[in-house]
Amino acid sequence: MSMTRKEFFGTMIKYAAGIVGLATVTAASGCGSDPAPADAPGSVGNCLANGTTVTIAANHGHVMMVTKAEVMAAADKTYDIMGTAAHTHSVTVTAANFGTLAGNHAINVTSTVGGGHTHDVTVVCA
């Protein structure tokens, strides 16, 4: 299951507001912080055990999959995310990015320009 960036942040805002009050909602949206409890909406999973989930902002048919084997290999990799779109983009995930994923933290990268635009890509642990 994948969700849009808007759905993800909406879930995080609702969770944060219900648990810690609206005054601290902005603190809940930062990436790279300690993982949320396992039962929290939008919580971070385990990339080495379960692989990842990829969300492509403003998506119109692009596809990207990052496997647990790729996380474990931790080598720079460039993905072609064309999918069913009429144009392609490349997304590079660096060895350092894979190290972040191996630590069960999300990463955000930006695609190359294709069709006159780029896409923000978020990779989280499943």
PDB file of N, CA and C in Angstrom:
ATOM      1  N   MET A   1       0.844  -1.179   0.000  1.00  0.00           N
ATOM      2  CA  MET A   1       0.000   0.000   0.000  1.00  0.00           C
ATOM      3  C   MET A   1       0.884   1.235   0.000  1.00  0.00           C
ATOM      4  N   SER A   2       0.606   2.160  -0.874  1.00  0.00           N
ATOM      5  CA  SER A   2       1.343   3.419  -0.863  1.00  0.00           C
ATOM      6  C   SER A   2       0.360   4.551  -0.620  1.00  0.00           C
ATOM      7  N   MET A   3       0.893   5.638  -0.099  1.00  0.00           N
ATOM      8  CA  MET A   3       0.047   6.803   0.150  1.00  0.00           C
ATOM      9  C   MET A   3       0.748   8.026  -0.386  1.00  0.00           C
ATOM     10  N   THR A   4      -0.032   9.030  -0.694  1.00  0.00           N
ATOM     11  CA  THR A   4       0.535  10.275  -1.192  1.00  0.00           C
ATOM     12  C   THR A   4       1.179  11.024  -0.042  1.00  0.00           C
ATOM     13  N   ARG A   5       2.020  11.978  -0.389  1.00  0.00           N
ATOM     14  CA  ARG A   5       2.663  12.813   0.626  1.00  0.00           C
ATOM     15  C   ARG A   5       1.598  13.535   1.459  1.00  0.00           C
ATOM     16  N   LYS A   6       0.529  14.012   0.790  1.00  0.00           N
ATOM     17  CA  LYS A   6      -0.556  14.710   1.476  1.00  0.00           C
ATOM     18  C   LYS A   6      -1.232  13.781   2.489  1.00  0.00           C
ATOM     19  N   GLU A   7      -1.508  12.526   2.072  1.00  0.00           N
ATOM     20  CA  GLU A   7      -2.131  11.570   2.996  1.00  0.00           C
ATOM     21  C   GLU A   7      -1.206  11.266   4.172  1.00  0.00           C
ATOM     22  N   PHE A   8       0.106  11.085   3.886  1.00  0.00           N
ATOM     23  CA  PHE A   8       1.071  10.794   4.943  1.00  0.00           C
ATOM     24  C   PHE A   8       1.098  11.913   5.983  1.00  0.00           C
ATOM     25  N   PHE A   9       1.255  13.159   5.523  1.00  0.00           N
ATOM     26  CA  PHE A   9       1.322  14.265   6.466  1.00  0.00           C
ATOM     27  C   PHE A   9      -0.006  14.466   7.195  1.00  0.00           C
ATOM     28  N   GLY A  10      -1.132  14.206   6.506  1.00  0.00           N
ATOM     29  CA  GLY A  10      -2.437  14.291   7.165  1.00  0.00           C
ATOM     30  C   GLY A  10      -2.542  13.292   8.296  1.00  0.00           C
ATOM     31  N   THR A  11      -2.066  12.065   8.059  1.00  0.00           N
ATOM     32  CA  THR A  11      -2.073  11.033   9.090  1.00  0.00           C
ATOM     33  C   THR A  11      -1.177  11.440  10.255  1.00  0.00           C
ATOM     34  N   MET A  12       0.021  11.938   9.935  1.00  0.00           N
ATOM     35  CA  MET A  12       0.958  12.350  10.994  1.00  0.00           C
ATOM     36  C   MET A  12       0.384  13.495  11.825  1.00  0.00           C
ATOM     37  N   ILE A  13      -0.267  14.447  11.178  1.00  0.00           N
ATOM     38  CA  ILE A  13      -0.834  15.589  11.900  1.00  0.00           C
ATOM     39  C   ILE A  13      -1.940  15.117  12.835  1.00  0.00           C
ATOM     40  N   LYS A  14      -2.817  14.241  12.334  1.00  0.00           N
ATOM     41  CA  LYS A  14      -3.892  13.718  13.182  1.00  0.00           C
ATOM     42  C   LYS A  14      -3.329  12.947  14.365  1.00  0.00           C
ATOM     43  N   TYR A  15      -2.315  12.118  14.119  1.00  0.00           N
ATOM     44  CA  TYR A  15      -1.702  11.334  15.194  1.00  0.00           C
ATOM     45  C   TYR A  15      -1.059  12.256  16.230  1.00  0.00           C
ATOM     46  N   ALA A  16      -0.260  13.208  15.737  1.00  0.00           N
ATOM     47  CA  ALA A  16       0.439  14.110  16.648  1.00  0.00           C
ATOM     48  C   ALA A  16      -0.538  14.962  17.448  1.00  0.00           C
ATOM     49  N   ALA A  17      -1.580  15.441  16.800  1.00  0.00           N
ATOM     50  CA  ALA A  17      -2.555  16.281  17.491  1.00  0.00           C
ATOM     51  C   ALA A  17      -3.259  15.500  18.587  1.00  0.00           C
ATOM     52  N   GLY A  18      -3.562  14.247  18.318  1.00  0.00           N
ATOM     53  CA  GLY A  18      -4.260  13.430  19.306  1.00  0.00           C
ATOM     54  C   GLY A  18      -3.383  13.026  20.473  1.00  0.00           C
ATOM     55  N   ILE A  19      -2.091  12.881  20.254  1.00  0.00           N
ATOM     56  CA  ILE A  19      -1.197  12.403  21.303  1.00  0.00           C
ATOM     57  C   ILE A  19      -0.531  13.534  22.076  1.00  0.00           C
ATOM     58  N   VAL A  20       0.012  14.491  21.360  1.00  0.00           N
ATOM     59  CA  VAL A  20       0.798  15.515  22.044  1.00  0.00           C
ATOM     60  C   VAL A  20       0.266  16.925  21.895  1.00  0.00           C
ATOM     61  N   GLY A  21      -0.858  17.104  21.244  1.00  0.00           N
ATOM     62  CA  GLY A  21      -1.448  18.434  21.110  1.00  0.00           C
ATOM     63  C   GLY A  21      -0.939  19.166  19.887  1.00  0.00           C
ATOM     64  N   LEU A  22      -1.706  20.110  19.423  1.00  0.00           N
ATOM     65  CA  LEU A  22      -1.377  20.838  18.209  1.00  0.00           C
ATOM     66  C   LEU A  22      -0.102  21.655  18.300  1.00  0.00           C
ATOM     67  N   ALA A  23       0.329  22.028  19.468  1.00  0.00           N
ATOM     68  CA  ALA A  23       1.516  22.866  19.591  1.00  0.00           C
ATOM     69  C   ALA A  23       2.773  22.178  19.097  1.00  0.00           C
ATOM     70  N   THR A  24       2.789  20.851  19.077  1.00  0.00           N
ATOM     71  CA  THR A  24       4.000  20.148  18.673  1.00  0.00           C
ATOM     72  C   THR A  24       3.853  19.399  17.357  1.00  0.00           C
ATOM     73  N   VAL A  25       2.809  19.673  16.591  1.00  0.00           N
ATOM     74  CA  VAL A  25       2.580  18.957  15.342  1.00  0.00           C
ATOM     75  C   VAL A  25       3.755  19.100  14.388  1.00  0.00           C
ATOM     76  N   THR A  26       4.348  20.274  14.291  1.00  0.00           N
ATOM     77  CA  THR A  26       5.436  20.458  13.340  1.00  0.00           C
ATOM     78  C   THR A  26       6.633  19.584  13.682  1.00  0.00           C
ATOM     79  N   ALA A  27       6.856  19.262  14.917  1.00  0.00           N
ATOM     80  CA  ALA A  27       7.979  18.417  15.289  1.00  0.00           C
ATOM     81  C   ALA A  27       7.790  16.987  14.794  1.00  0.00           C
ATOM     82  N   ALA A  28       6.580  16.542  14.605  1.00  0.00           N
ATOM     83  CA  ALA A  28       6.322  15.161  14.181  1.00  0.00           C
ATOM     84  C   ALA A  28       6.596  14.935  12.712  1.00  0.00           C
ATOM     85  N   SER A  29       6.748  15.986  11.923  1.00  0.00           N
ATOM     86  CA  SER A  29       6.885  15.800  10.481  1.00  0.00           C
ATOM     87  C   SER A  29       8.327  15.694  10.008  1.00  0.00           C
ATOM     88  N   GLY A  30       9.318  15.785  10.889  1.00  0.00           N
ATOM     89  CA  GLY A  30      10.709  15.730  10.462  1.00  0.00           C
ATOM     90  C   GLY A  30      11.156  14.336  10.106  1.00  0.00           C
ATOM     91  N   CYS A  31      11.956  14.214   9.053  1.00  0.00           N
ATOM     92  CA  CYS A  31      12.512  12.921   8.679  1.00  0.00           C
ATOM     93  C   CYS A  31      13.853  12.743   9.360  1.00  0.00           C
ATOM     94  N   GLY A  32      14.238  11.496   9.556  1.00  0.00           N
ATOM     95  CA  GLY A  32      15.534  11.206  10.125  1.00  0.00           C
ATOM     96  C   GLY A  32      15.560  11.224  11.642  1.00  0.00           C
ATOM     97  N   SER A  33      14.430  11.447  12.274  1.00  0.00           N
ATOM     98  CA  SER A  33      14.395  11.416  13.719  1.00  0.00           C
ATOM     99  C   SER A  33      14.201   9.982  14.171  1.00  0.00           C
ATOM    100  N   ASP A  34      14.174   9.754  15.481  1.00  0.00           N
ATOM    101  CA  ASP A  34      13.963   8.413  15.984  1.00  0.00           C
ATOM    102  C   ASP A  34      12.667   7.855  15.442  1.00  0.00           C
ATOM    103  N   PRO A  35      12.635   6.547  15.142  1.00  0.00           N
ATOM    104  CA  PRO A  35      11.413   5.949  14.623  1.00  0.00           C
ATOM    105  C   PRO A  35      10.261   6.082  15.603  1.00  0.00           C
ATOM    106  N   ALA A  36       9.047   6.185  15.041  1.00  0.00           N
ATOM    107  CA  ALA A  36       7.843   6.237  15.859  1.00  0.00           C
ATOM    108  C   ALA A  36       7.582   4.855  16.443  1.00  0.00           C
ATOM    109  N   PRO A  37       6.762   4.765  17.493  1.00  0.00           N
ATOM    110  CA  PRO A  37       6.412   3.457  18.018  1.00  0.00           C
ATOM    111  C   PRO A  37       5.824   2.585  16.908  1.00  0.00           C
ATOM    112  N   ALA A  38       6.005   1.271  17.028  1.00  0.00           N
ATOM    113  CA  ALA A  38       5.595   0.349  15.967  1.00  0.00           C
ATOM    114  C   ALA A  38       4.114   0.460  15.619  1.00  0.00           C
ATOM    115  N   ASP A  39       3.272   0.871  16.559  1.00  0.00           N
ATOM    116  CA  ASP A  39       1.846   0.949  16.288  1.00  0.00           C
ATOM    117  C   ASP A  39       1.400   2.331  15.827  1.00  0.00           C
ATOM    118  N   ALA A  40       2.338   3.256  15.663  1.00  0.00           N
ATOM    119  CA  ALA A  40       1.987   4.616  15.261  1.00  0.00           C
ATOM    120  C   ALA A  40       1.723   4.677  13.766  1.00  0.00           C
ATOM    121  N   PRO A  41       0.701   5.436  13.343  1.00  0.00           N
ATOM    122  CA  PRO A  41       0.486   5.627  11.910  1.00  0.00           C
ATOM    123  C   PRO A  41       1.735   6.241  11.287  1.00  0.00           C
ATOM    124  N   GLY A  42       2.147   5.742  10.148  1.00  0.00           N
ATOM    125  CA  GLY A  42       3.326   6.276   9.483  1.00  0.00           C
ATOM    126  C   GLY A  42       4.626   5.877  10.148  1.00  0.00           C
ATOM    127  N   SER A  43       4.591   4.886  11.045  1.00  0.00           N
ATOM    128  CA  SER A  43       5.800   4.500  11.750  1.00  0.00           C
ATOM    129  C   SER A  43       6.803   3.876  10.795  1.00  0.00           C
ATOM    130  N   VAL A  44       8.063   3.909  11.184  1.00  0.00           N
ATOM    131  CA  VAL A  44       9.145   3.386  10.382  1.00  0.00           C
ATOM    132  C   VAL A  44       9.252   1.890  10.624  1.00  0.00           C
ATOM    133  N   GLY A  45       9.394   1.125   9.551  1.00  0.00           N
ATOM    134  CA  GLY A  45       9.521  -0.320   9.653  1.00  0.00           C
ATOM    135  C   GLY A  45      10.973  -0.744   9.716  1.00  0.00           C
ATOM    136  N   ASN A  46      11.274  -1.874   9.072  1.00  0.00           N
ATOM    137  CA  ASN A  46      12.614  -2.427   9.078  1.00  0.00           C
ATOM    138  C   ASN A  46      13.023  -2.710   7.636  1.00  0.00           C
ATOM    139  N   CYS A  47      13.873  -1.863   7.070  1.00  0.00           N
ATOM    140  CA  CYS A  47      14.268  -1.987   5.663  1.00  0.00           C
ATOM    141  C   CYS A  47      15.019  -3.281   5.379  1.00  0.00           C
ATOM    142  N   LEU A  48      15.890  -3.705   6.298  1.00  0.00           N
ATOM    143  CA  LEU A  48      16.677  -4.911   6.051  1.00  0.00           C
ATOM    144  C   LEU A  48      15.824  -6.166   6.112  1.00  0.00           C
ATOM    145  N   ALA A  49      14.757  -6.143   6.887  1.00  0.00           N
ATOM    146  CA  ALA A  49      13.879  -7.306   6.995  1.00  0.00           C
ATOM    147  C   ALA A  49      12.740  -7.276   5.987  1.00  0.00           C
ATOM    148  N   ASN A  50      12.203  -6.091   5.706  1.00  0.00           N
ATOM    149  CA  ASN A  50      10.961  -5.995   4.934  1.00  0.00           C
ATOM    150  C   ASN A  50      11.055  -5.228   3.628  1.00  0.00           C
ATOM    151  N   GLY A  51      12.190  -4.638   3.331  1.00  0.00           N
ATOM    152  CA  GLY A  51      12.286  -3.801   2.135  1.00  0.00           C
ATOM    153  C   GLY A  51      11.692  -2.431   2.388  1.00  0.00           C
ATOM    154  N   THR A  52      11.245  -1.780   1.334  1.00  0.00           N
ATOM    155  CA  THR A  52      10.799  -0.392   1.443  1.00  0.00           C
ATOM    156  C   THR A  52       9.477  -0.156   0.736  1.00  0.00           C
ATOM    157  N   THR A  53       8.927   1.011   1.004  1.00  0.00           N
ATOM    158  CA  THR A  53       7.785   1.547   0.277  1.00  0.00           C
ATOM    159  C   THR A  53       8.226   2.888  -0.303  1.00  0.00           C
ATOM    160  N   VAL A  54       7.932   3.106  -1.577  1.00  0.00           N
ATOM    161  CA  VAL A  54       8.357   4.330  -2.258  1.00  0.00           C
ATOM    162  C   VAL A  54       7.139   5.149  -2.629  1.00  0.00           C
ATOM    163  N   THR A  55       7.198   6.447  -2.323  1.00  0.00           N
ATOM    164  CA  THR A  55       6.149   7.381  -2.721  1.00  0.00           C
ATOM    165  C   THR A  55       6.770   8.425  -3.646  1.00  0.00           C
ATOM    166  N   ILE A  56       6.142   8.619  -4.798  1.00  0.00           N
ATOM    167  CA  ILE A  56       6.614   9.589  -5.772  1.00  0.00           C
ATOM    168  C   ILE A  56       5.591  10.721  -5.826  1.00  0.00           C
ATOM    169  N   ALA A  57       6.017  11.913  -5.424  1.00  0.00           N
ATOM    170  CA  ALA A  57       5.116  13.063  -5.379  1.00  0.00           C
ATOM    171  C   ALA A  57       4.680  13.452  -6.784  1.00  0.00           C
ATOM    172  N   ALA A  58       3.441  13.937  -6.900  1.00  0.00           N
ATOM    173  CA  ALA A  58       2.871  14.369  -8.176  1.00  0.00           C
ATOM    174  C   ALA A  58       3.028  13.286  -9.238  1.00  0.00           C
ATOM    175  N   ASN A  59       2.808  12.056  -8.816  1.00  0.00           N
ATOM    176  CA  ASN A  59       3.048  10.909  -9.686  1.00  0.00           C
ATOM    177  C   ASN A  59       1.977  10.780 -10.767  1.00  0.00           C
ATOM    178  N   HIS A  60       2.428  10.372 -11.927  1.00  0.00           N
ATOM    179  CA  HIS A  60       1.533  10.133 -13.047  1.00  0.00           C
ATOM    180  C   HIS A  60       1.997   8.901 -13.812  1.00  0.00           C
ATOM    181  N   GLY A  61       2.204   7.830 -13.077  1.00  0.00           N
ATOM    182  CA  GLY A  61       2.557   6.556 -13.686  1.00  0.00           C
ATOM    183  C   GLY A  61       3.971   6.077 -13.455  1.00  0.00           C
ATOM    184  N   HIS A  62       4.798   6.850 -12.776  1.00  0.00           N
ATOM    185  CA  HIS A  62       6.175   6.422 -12.506  1.00  0.00           C
ATOM    186  C   HIS A  62       6.186   5.341 -11.423  1.00  0.00           C
ATOM    187  N   VAL A  63       7.199   4.466 -11.499  1.00  0.00           N
ATOM    188  CA  VAL A  63       7.318   3.364 -10.551  1.00  0.00           C
ATOM    189  C   VAL A  63       8.770   3.232 -10.118  1.00  0.00           C
ATOM    190  N   MET A  64       8.971   3.009  -8.812  1.00  0.00           N
ATOM    191  CA  MET A  64      10.310   2.762  -8.282  1.00  0.00           C
ATOM    192  C   MET A  64      10.199   1.767  -7.147  1.00  0.00           C
ATOM    193  N   MET A  65      11.046   0.745  -7.177  1.00  0.00           N
ATOM    194  CA  MET A  65      11.082  -0.246  -6.106  1.00  0.00           C
ATOM    195  C   MET A  65      12.501  -0.336  -5.573  1.00  0.00           C
ATOM    196  N   VAL A  66      12.635  -0.315  -4.240  1.00  0.00           N
ATOM    197  CA  VAL A  66      13.926  -0.477  -3.581  1.00  0.00           C
ATOM    198  C   VAL A  66      13.807  -1.725  -2.712  1.00  0.00           C
ATOM    199  N   THR A  67      14.584  -2.746  -3.034  1.00  0.00           N
ATOM    200  CA  THR A  67      14.487  -4.022  -2.324  1.00  0.00           C
ATOM    201  C   THR A  67      15.372  -4.044  -1.079  1.00  0.00           C
ATOM    202  N   LYS A  68      15.103  -5.002  -0.212  1.00  0.00           N
ATOM    203  CA  LYS A  68      15.943  -5.154   0.983  1.00  0.00           C
ATOM    204  C   LYS A  68      17.354  -5.565   0.585  1.00  0.00           C
ATOM    205  N   ALA A  69      17.510  -6.316  -0.514  1.00  0.00           N
ATOM    206  CA  ALA A  69      18.847  -6.696  -0.984  1.00  0.00           C
ATOM    207  C   ALA A  69      19.643  -5.462  -1.407  1.00  0.00           C
ATOM    208  N   GLU A  70      18.971  -4.493  -2.035  1.00  0.00           N
ATOM    209  CA  GLU A  70      19.643  -3.257  -2.434  1.00  0.00           C
ATOM    210  C   GLU A  70      20.035  -2.434  -1.217  1.00  0.00           C
ATOM    211  N   VAL A  71      19.183  -2.418  -0.207  1.00  0.00           N
ATOM    212  CA  VAL A  71      19.520  -1.707   1.036  1.00  0.00           C
ATOM    213  C   VAL A  71      20.742  -2.367   1.664  1.00  0.00           C
ATOM    214  N   MET A  72      20.739  -3.692   1.711  1.00  0.00           N
ATOM    215  CA  MET A  72      21.842  -4.435   2.319  1.00  0.00           C
ATOM    216  C   MET A  72      23.150  -4.226   1.548  1.00  0.00           C
ATOM    217  N   ALA A  73      23.080  -4.170   0.214  1.00  0.00           N
ATOM    218  CA  ALA A  73      24.281  -3.982  -0.613  1.00  0.00           C
ATOM    219  C   ALA A  73      24.912  -2.607  -0.403  1.00  0.00           C
ATOM    220  N   ALA A  74      24.096  -1.609  -0.120  1.00  0.00           N
ATOM    221  CA  ALA A  74      24.563  -0.250   0.203  1.00  0.00           C
ATOM    222  C   ALA A  74      25.522   0.329  -0.834  1.00  0.00           C
ATOM    223  N   ALA A  75      25.231   0.115  -2.109  1.00  0.00           N
ATOM    224  CA  ALA A  75      26.040   0.681  -3.190  1.00  0.00           C
ATOM    225  C   ALA A  75      25.194   1.683  -3.963  1.00  0.00           C
ATOM    226  N   ASP A  76      25.836   2.772  -4.415  1.00  0.00           N
ATOM    227  CA  ASP A  76      25.109   3.761  -5.226  1.00  0.00           C
ATOM    228  C   ASP A  76      24.316   3.048  -6.318  1.00  0.00           C
ATOM    229  N   LYS A  77      23.081   3.484  -6.536  1.00  0.00           N
ATOM    230  CA  LYS A  77      22.247   2.867  -7.571  1.00  0.00           C
ATOM    231  C   LYS A  77      21.368   3.954  -8.184  1.00  0.00           C
ATOM    232  N   THR A  78      21.251   3.921  -9.515  1.00  0.00           N
ATOM    233  CA  THR A  78      20.376   4.838 -10.230  1.00  0.00           C
ATOM    234  C   THR A  78      19.214   4.035 -10.802  1.00  0.00           C
ATOM    235  N   TYR A  79      18.009   4.478 -10.482  1.00  0.00           N
ATOM    236  CA  TYR A  79      16.781   3.821 -10.909  1.00  0.00           C
ATOM    237  C   TYR A  79      16.149   4.594 -12.056  1.00  0.00           C
ATOM    238  N   ASP A  80      15.614   3.884 -13.039  1.00  0.00           N
ATOM    239  CA  ASP A  80      14.797   4.471 -14.092  1.00  0.00           C
ATOM    240  C   ASP A  80      13.354   4.290 -13.626  1.00  0.00           C
ATOM    241  N   ILE A  81      12.603   5.375 -13.475  1.00  0.00           N
ATOM    242  CA  ILE A  81      11.261   5.275 -12.888  1.00  0.00           C
ATOM    243  C   ILE A  81      10.151   5.512 -13.908  1.00  0.00           C
ATOM    244  N   MET A  82      10.400   5.227 -15.186  1.00  0.00           N
ATOM    245  CA  MET A  82       9.417   5.522 -16.227  1.00  0.00           C
ATOM    246  C   MET A  82       8.036   4.950 -15.934  1.00  0.00           C
ATOM    247  N   GLY A  83       7.935   3.668 -15.610  1.00  0.00           N
ATOM    248  CA  GLY A  83       6.625   3.069 -15.381  1.00  0.00           C
ATOM    249  C   GLY A  83       5.746   3.218 -16.601  1.00  0.00           C
ATOM    250  N   THR A  84       4.507   3.680 -16.414  1.00  0.00           N
ATOM    251  CA  THR A  84       3.573   3.871 -17.531  1.00  0.00           C
ATOM    252  C   THR A  84       3.514   5.323 -18.010  1.00  0.00           C
ATOM    253  N   ALA A  85       4.386   6.179 -17.488  1.00  0.00           N
ATOM    254  CA  ALA A  85       4.421   7.584 -17.914  1.00  0.00           C
ATOM    255  C   ALA A  85       4.958   7.679 -19.338  1.00  0.00           C
ATOM    256  N   ALA A  86       4.721   8.803 -19.987  1.00  0.00           N
ATOM    257  CA  ALA A  86       5.166   9.022 -21.363  1.00  0.00           C
ATOM    258  C   ALA A  86       6.611   9.510 -21.442  1.00  0.00           C
ATOM    259  N   HIS A  87       7.264   9.670 -20.324  1.00  0.00           N
ATOM    260  CA  HIS A  87       8.646  10.135 -20.258  1.00  0.00           C
ATOM    261  C   HIS A  87       9.301   9.452 -19.061  1.00  0.00           C
ATOM    262  N   THR A  88      10.601   9.602 -18.963  1.00  0.00           N
ATOM    263  CA  THR A  88      11.298   8.940 -17.868  1.00  0.00           C
ATOM    264  C   THR A  88      12.035   9.942 -16.988  1.00  0.00           C
ATOM    265  N   HIS A  89      12.409   9.473 -15.824  1.00  0.00           N
ATOM    266  CA  HIS A  89      13.263  10.194 -14.888  1.00  0.00           C
ATOM    267  C   HIS A  89      14.247   9.178 -14.326  1.00  0.00           C
ATOM    268  N   SER A  90      15.358   9.661 -13.823  1.00  0.00           N
ATOM    269  CA  SER A  90      16.283   8.825 -13.074  1.00  0.00           C
ATOM    270  C   SER A  90      16.285   9.308 -11.635  1.00  0.00           C
ATOM    271  N   VAL A  91      16.457   8.369 -10.723  1.00  0.00           N
ATOM    272  CA  VAL A  91      16.570   8.687  -9.303  1.00  0.00           C
ATOM    273  C   VAL A  91      17.807   7.964  -8.782  1.00  0.00           C
ATOM    274  N   THR A  92      18.737   8.709  -8.203  1.00  0.00           N
ATOM    275  CA  THR A  92      19.947   8.110  -7.658  1.00  0.00           C
ATOM    276  C   THR A  92      19.835   8.025  -6.138  1.00  0.00           C
ATOM    277  N   VAL A  93      20.065   6.818  -5.641  1.00  0.00           N
ATOM    278  CA  VAL A  93      20.139   6.570  -4.200  1.00  0.00           C
ATOM    279  C   VAL A  93      21.599   6.240  -3.912  1.00  0.00           C
ATOM    280  N   THR A  94      22.208   7.023  -3.046  1.00  0.00           N
ATOM    281  CA  THR A  94      23.636   6.851  -2.755  1.00  0.00           C
ATOM    282  C   THR A  94      23.867   5.796  -1.680  1.00  0.00           C
ATOM    283  N   ALA A  95      25.110   5.380  -1.561  1.00  0.00           N
ATOM    284  CA  ALA A  95      25.478   4.439  -0.497  1.00  0.00           C
ATOM    285  C   ALA A  95      25.111   5.026   0.865  1.00  0.00           C
ATOM    286  N   ALA A  96      25.312   6.325   1.027  1.00  0.00           N
ATOM    287  CA  ALA A  96      24.950   6.974   2.301  1.00  0.00           C
ATOM    288  C   ALA A  96      23.439   6.907   2.525  1.00  0.00           C
ATOM    289  N   ASN A  97      22.643   7.113   1.460  1.00  0.00           N
ATOM    290  CA  ASN A  97      21.188   6.981   1.573  1.00  0.00           C
ATOM    291  C   ASN A  97      20.812   5.574   2.017  1.00  0.00           C
ATOM    292  N   PHE A  98      21.463   4.562   1.412  1.00  0.00           N
ATOM    293  CA  PHE A  98      21.168   3.182   1.801  1.00  0.00           C
ATOM    294  C   PHE A  98      21.548   2.940   3.263  1.00  0.00           C
ATOM    295  N   GLY A  99      22.612   3.574   3.732  1.00  0.00           N
ATOM    296  CA  GLY A  99      22.986   3.474   5.147  1.00  0.00           C
ATOM    297  C   GLY A  99      21.900   4.051   6.044  1.00  0.00           C
ATOM    298  N   THR A 100      21.309   5.155   5.612  1.00  0.00           N
ATOM    299  CA  THR A 100      20.197   5.761   6.355  1.00  0.00           C
ATOM    300  C   THR A 100      19.016   4.801   6.398  1.00  0.00           C
ATOM    301  N   LEU A 101      18.703   4.185   5.254  1.00  0.00           N
ATOM    302  CA  LEU A 101      17.611   3.216   5.207  1.00  0.00           C
ATOM    303  C   LEU A 101      17.913   2.007   6.088  1.00  0.00           C
ATOM    304  N   ALA A 102      19.147   1.540   6.077  1.00  0.00           N
ATOM    305  CA  ALA A 102      19.529   0.394   6.904  1.00  0.00           C
ATOM    306  C   ALA A 102      19.348   0.699   8.390  1.00  0.00           C
ATOM    307  N   GLY A 103      19.438   1.982   8.747  1.00  0.00           N
ATOM    308  CA  GLY A 103      19.185   2.418  10.119  1.00  0.00           C
ATOM    309  C   GLY A 103      17.709   2.673  10.374  1.00  0.00           C
ATOM    310  N   ASN A 104      16.868   2.273   9.419  1.00  0.00           N
ATOM    311  CA  ASN A 104      15.405   2.400   9.518  1.00  0.00           C
ATOM    312  C   ASN A 104      14.915   3.837   9.583  1.00  0.00           C
ATOM    313  N   HIS A 105      15.566   4.684   8.792  1.00  0.00           N
ATOM    314  CA  HIS A 105      15.144   6.079   8.648  1.00  0.00           C
ATOM    315  C   HIS A 105      14.792   6.332   7.191  1.00  0.00           C
ATOM    316  N   ALA A 106      13.795   7.146   6.956  1.00  0.00           N
ATOM    317  CA  ALA A 106      13.354   7.483   5.607  1.00  0.00           C
ATOM    318  C   ALA A 106      14.366   8.373   4.909  1.00  0.00           C
ATOM    319  N   ILE A 107      14.338   8.339   3.578  1.00  0.00           N
ATOM    320  CA  ILE A 107      15.150   9.262   2.779  1.00  0.00           C
ATOM    321  C   ILE A 107      14.249   9.989   1.796  1.00  0.00           C
ATOM    322  N   ASN A 108      14.680  11.172   1.393  1.00  0.00           N
ATOM    323  CA  ASN A 108      13.997  11.958   0.365  1.00  0.00           C
ATOM    324  C   ASN A 108      15.029  12.316  -0.690  1.00  0.00           C
ATOM    325  N   VAL A 109      14.721  12.024  -1.941  1.00  0.00           N
ATOM    326  CA  VAL A 109      15.597  12.353  -3.061  1.00  0.00           C
ATOM    327  C   VAL A 109      14.749  12.982  -4.156  1.00  0.00           C
ATOM    328  N   THR A 110      15.401  13.635  -5.107  1.00  0.00           N
ATOM    329  CA  THR A 110      14.696  14.278  -6.211  1.00  0.00           C
ATOM    330  C   THR A 110      15.143  13.642  -7.516  1.00  0.00           C
ATOM    331  N   SER A 111      14.187  13.387  -8.393  1.00  0.00           N
ATOM    332  CA  SER A 111      14.489  12.795  -9.697  1.00  0.00           C
ATOM    333  C   SER A 111      15.166  13.808 -10.603  1.00  0.00           C
ATOM    334  N   THR A 112      15.697  13.288 -11.698  1.00  0.00           N
ATOM    335  CA  THR A 112      16.192  14.165 -12.754  1.00  0.00           C
ATOM    336  C   THR A 112      14.997  14.801 -13.459  1.00  0.00           C
ATOM    337  N   VAL A 113      15.266  15.798 -14.286  1.00  0.00           N
ATOM    338  CA  VAL A 113      14.215  16.456 -15.057  1.00  0.00           C
ATOM    339  C   VAL A 113      13.797  15.545 -16.211  1.00  0.00           C
ATOM    340  N   GLY A 114      12.508  15.408 -16.389  1.00  0.00           N
ATOM    341  CA  GLY A 114      11.940  14.662 -17.508  1.00  0.00           C
ATOM    342  C   GLY A 114      10.579  15.267 -17.789  1.00  0.00           C
ATOM    343  N   GLY A 115      10.229  15.484 -19.023  1.00  0.00           N
ATOM    344  CA  GLY A 115       8.948  16.101 -19.336  1.00  0.00           C
ATOM    345  C   GLY A 115       8.819  17.492 -18.755  1.00  0.00           C
ATOM    346  N   GLY A 116       9.952  18.152 -18.507  1.00  0.00           N
ATOM    347  CA  GLY A 116       9.939  19.518 -17.996  1.00  0.00           C
ATOM    348  C   GLY A 116       9.725  19.655 -16.502  1.00  0.00           C
ATOM    349  N   HIS A 117       9.872  18.567 -15.744  1.00  0.00           N
ATOM    350  CA  HIS A 117       9.657  18.641 -14.294  1.00  0.00           C
ATOM    351  C   HIS A 117      10.465  17.568 -13.583  1.00  0.00           C
ATOM    352  N   THR A 118      10.500  17.649 -12.261  1.00  0.00           N
ATOM    353  CA  THR A 118      11.126  16.619 -11.413  1.00  0.00           C
ATOM    354  C   THR A 118      10.060  16.075 -10.470  1.00  0.00           C
ATOM    355  N   HIS A 119      10.423  15.032  -9.733  1.00  0.00           N
ATOM    356  CA  HIS A 119       9.557  14.467  -8.704  1.00  0.00           C
ATOM    357  C   HIS A 119      10.358  14.305  -7.414  1.00  0.00           C
ATOM    358  N   ASP A 120       9.740  14.627  -6.294  1.00  0.00           N
ATOM    359  CA  ASP A 120      10.318  14.305  -4.989  1.00  0.00           C
ATOM    360  C   ASP A 120       9.946  12.853  -4.699  1.00  0.00           C
ATOM    361  N   VAL A 121      10.927  12.091  -4.273  1.00  0.00           N
ATOM    362  CA  VAL A 121      10.728  10.669  -4.019  1.00  0.00           C
ATOM    363  C   VAL A 121      11.077  10.393  -2.566  1.00  0.00           C
ATOM    364  N   THR A 122      10.161   9.742  -1.850  1.00  0.00           N
ATOM    365  CA  THR A 122      10.360   9.388  -0.451  1.00  0.00           C
ATOM    366  C   THR A 122      10.412   7.876  -0.344  1.00  0.00           C
ATOM    367  N   VAL A 123      11.455   7.382   0.300  1.00  0.00           N
ATOM    368  CA  VAL A 123      11.606   5.949   0.519  1.00  0.00           C
ATOM    369  C   VAL A 123      11.567   5.710   2.017  1.00  0.00           C
ATOM    370  N   VAL A 124      10.620   4.870   2.459  1.00  0.00           N
ATOM    371  CA  VAL A 124      10.497   4.540   3.880  1.00  0.00           C
ATOM    372  C   VAL A 124      10.597   3.027   4.040  1.00  0.00           C
ATOM    373  N   CYS A 125      10.953   2.595   5.226  1.00  0.00           N
ATOM    374  CA  CYS A 125      11.063   1.176   5.514  1.00  0.00           C
ATOM    375  C   CYS A 125       9.690   0.567   5.706  1.00  0.00           C
ATOM    376  N   ALA A 126       9.499  -0.619   5.119  1.00  0.00           N
ATOM    377  CA  ALA A 126       8.209  -1.325   5.216  1.00  0.00           C
ATOM    378  C   ALA A 126       8.155  -2.132   6.512  1.00  0.00           C
TER     379      ALA A 126
END
